[in-house]
Amino acid sequence: MPEQLQQAYEKALRAPLLLMLVVEDQRGDAEIGLLERVVSAGCAVQNMLLMATALGFGSALTSGKALKSTSLRGLFRLNTHEYAICFLSLGTVQRAKPARVRPESDQYVTYLSTESE
């Protein structure tokens, strides 16, 4: 376990700016549900990633089980109705990571045919 803590510590300090995206489930406006809040937050993060790239900075989004841990929730004083979604790191790229193998889009996309089969 100490090795995992060391890796998490190093990852958190890798970029000069580390943000955590939190979505709140209970707000005064009950018309905007949790799923809509999560989607809107995801759009905001995507815009931040694109903005960083456009300005010549590097950016990364990280998530995982740690976001649900009691210790992390306590560290950031999250209430029971607040959800940590991801971390967003922004900074200058020191070295590029090798590209990962990505799945083919056909594994996730289906087409609705208007022709009779």
Protein backbone atom coordinates (compact mmCIF):
# COMPACT_ATOMS: atom_id res chain seq x y z
CA MET A 1 0.00 0.00 0.00
CA PRO A 2 2.77 2.58 0.66
CA GLU A 3 3.88 2.23 -2.99
CA GLN A 4 0.36 3.09 -4.20
CA LEU A 5 0.29 6.15 -1.93
CA GLN A 6 3.67 7.28 -3.29
CA GLN A 7 2.43 6.90 -6.88
CA ALA A 8 -0.75 8.85 -6.09
CA TYR A 9 1.31 11.60 -4.43
CA GLU A 10 3.62 11.88 -7.45
CA LYS A 11 0.70 11.89 -9.87
CA ALA A 12 -1.04 14.68 -7.93
CA LEU A 13 2.07 16.87 -8.06
CA ARG A 14 2.98 16.15 -11.69
CA ALA A 15 1.21 19.21 -13.13
CA PRO A 16 1.33 22.75 -11.71
CA LEU A 17 -2.48 22.93 -11.72
CA LEU A 18 -4.69 20.13 -10.45
CA LEU A 19 -8.47 20.57 -10.40
CA MET A 20 -11.10 18.20 -9.09
CA LEU A 21 -14.51 18.12 -10.74
CA VAL A 22 -17.33 17.81 -8.20
CA VAL A 23 -20.99 17.48 -9.09
CA GLU A 24 -23.61 18.27 -6.49
CA ASP A 25 -26.80 16.19 -6.42
CA GLN A 26 -28.99 18.47 -4.30
CA ARG A 27 -29.49 22.05 -5.37
CA GLY A 28 -32.27 24.57 -5.18
CA ASP A 29 -33.31 23.95 -8.79
CA ALA A 30 -34.82 20.45 -8.74
CA GLU A 31 -35.58 20.62 -12.49
CA ILE A 32 -31.94 19.91 -13.34
CA GLY A 33 -31.30 16.28 -12.46
CA LEU A 34 -28.03 14.58 -11.53
CA LEU A 35 -27.45 13.07 -14.97
CA GLU A 36 -27.84 16.45 -16.66
CA ARG A 37 -25.41 17.96 -14.14
CA VAL A 38 -22.85 15.21 -14.87
CA VAL A 39 -23.17 15.65 -18.64
CA SER A 40 -22.84 19.43 -18.32
CA ALA A 41 -19.77 19.01 -16.11
CA GLY A 42 -18.26 16.65 -18.69
CA CYS A 43 -18.81 19.24 -21.40
CA ALA A 44 -17.09 21.87 -19.25
CA VAL A 45 -14.09 19.57 -18.71
CA GLN A 46 -13.86 18.85 -22.45
CA ASN A 47 -13.84 22.59 -23.14
CA MET A 48 -11.04 23.05 -20.60
CA LEU A 49 -8.99 20.26 -22.22
CA LEU A 50 -9.48 21.85 -25.66
CA MET A 51 -8.63 25.31 -24.31
CA ALA A 52 -5.40 24.05 -22.76
CA THR A 53 -4.36 22.42 -26.04
CA ALA A 54 -5.23 25.57 -28.02
CA LEU A 55 -3.02 27.60 -25.66
CA GLY A 56 -0.13 25.15 -26.06
CA PHE A 57 -0.45 23.43 -22.69
CA GLY A 58 -0.81 19.78 -21.89
CA SER A 59 -3.80 18.42 -20.07
CA ALA A 60 -4.97 15.14 -18.66
CA LEU A 61 -8.10 13.76 -17.09
CA THR A 62 -7.78 11.06 -14.45
CA SER A 63 -10.33 9.13 -12.47
CA GLY A 64 -10.57 5.90 -10.55
CA LYS A 65 -11.64 4.26 -7.32
CA ALA A 66 -9.72 6.77 -5.21
CA LEU A 67 -12.35 9.42 -6.00
CA LYS A 68 -14.84 7.43 -3.92
CA SER A 69 -12.51 6.79 -1.00
CA THR A 70 -13.45 8.04 2.45
CA SER A 71 -10.04 9.63 2.95
CA LEU A 72 -10.21 11.66 -0.28
CA ARG A 73 -13.79 12.73 0.42
CA GLY A 74 -12.69 13.82 3.89
CA LEU A 75 -9.63 15.66 2.59
CA PHE A 76 -11.79 17.75 0.25
CA ARG A 77 -14.65 18.01 2.76
CA LEU A 78 -17.20 16.59 0.34
CA ASN A 79 -20.75 16.22 1.63
CA THR A 80 -22.79 13.08 1.04
CA HIS A 81 -24.58 14.74 -1.91
CA GLU A 82 -21.35 15.76 -3.66
CA TYR A 83 -19.61 13.44 -6.13
CA ALA A 84 -15.95 13.68 -7.14
CA ILE A 85 -15.99 12.86 -10.86
CA CYS A 86 -12.38 13.29 -12.00
CA PHE A 87 -9.15 15.22 -11.69
CA LEU A 88 -7.96 17.57 -14.41
CA SER A 89 -4.23 18.31 -14.67
CA LEU A 90 -2.96 21.30 -16.65
CA GLY A 91 0.61 22.33 -17.37
CA THR A 92 3.53 22.22 -19.78
CA VAL A 93 4.33 18.82 -21.27
CA GLN A 94 7.78 17.60 -20.21
CA ARG A 95 7.69 14.34 -22.16
CA ALA A 96 5.04 12.78 -24.34
CA LYS A 97 3.49 9.48 -23.36
CA PRO A 98 3.28 6.76 -25.98
CA ALA A 99 -0.12 6.51 -27.66
CA ARG A 100 -2.43 3.83 -26.30
CA VAL A 101 -4.18 1.31 -28.49
CA ARG A 102 -7.75 2.50 -28.87
CA PRO A 103 -10.73 0.27 -29.63
CA GLU A 104 -12.36 0.43 -33.04
CA SER A 105 -15.43 2.65 -33.12
CA ASP A 106 -17.46 -0.17 -34.70
CA GLN A 107 -17.36 -1.91 -31.31
CA TYR A 108 -19.53 0.88 -29.87
CA VAL A 109 -21.49 2.32 -32.79
CA THR A 110 -24.57 0.88 -34.40
CA TYR A 111 -26.45 2.20 -37.39
CA LEU A 112 -30.18 2.34 -37.93
CA SER A 113 -30.92 1.34 -41.47
CA THR A 114 -33.91 2.82 -43.27
CA GLU A 115 -33.81 0.07 -45.88
CA SER A 116 -35.74 -3.17 -45.51
CA GLU A 117 -33.55 -6.10 -44.81
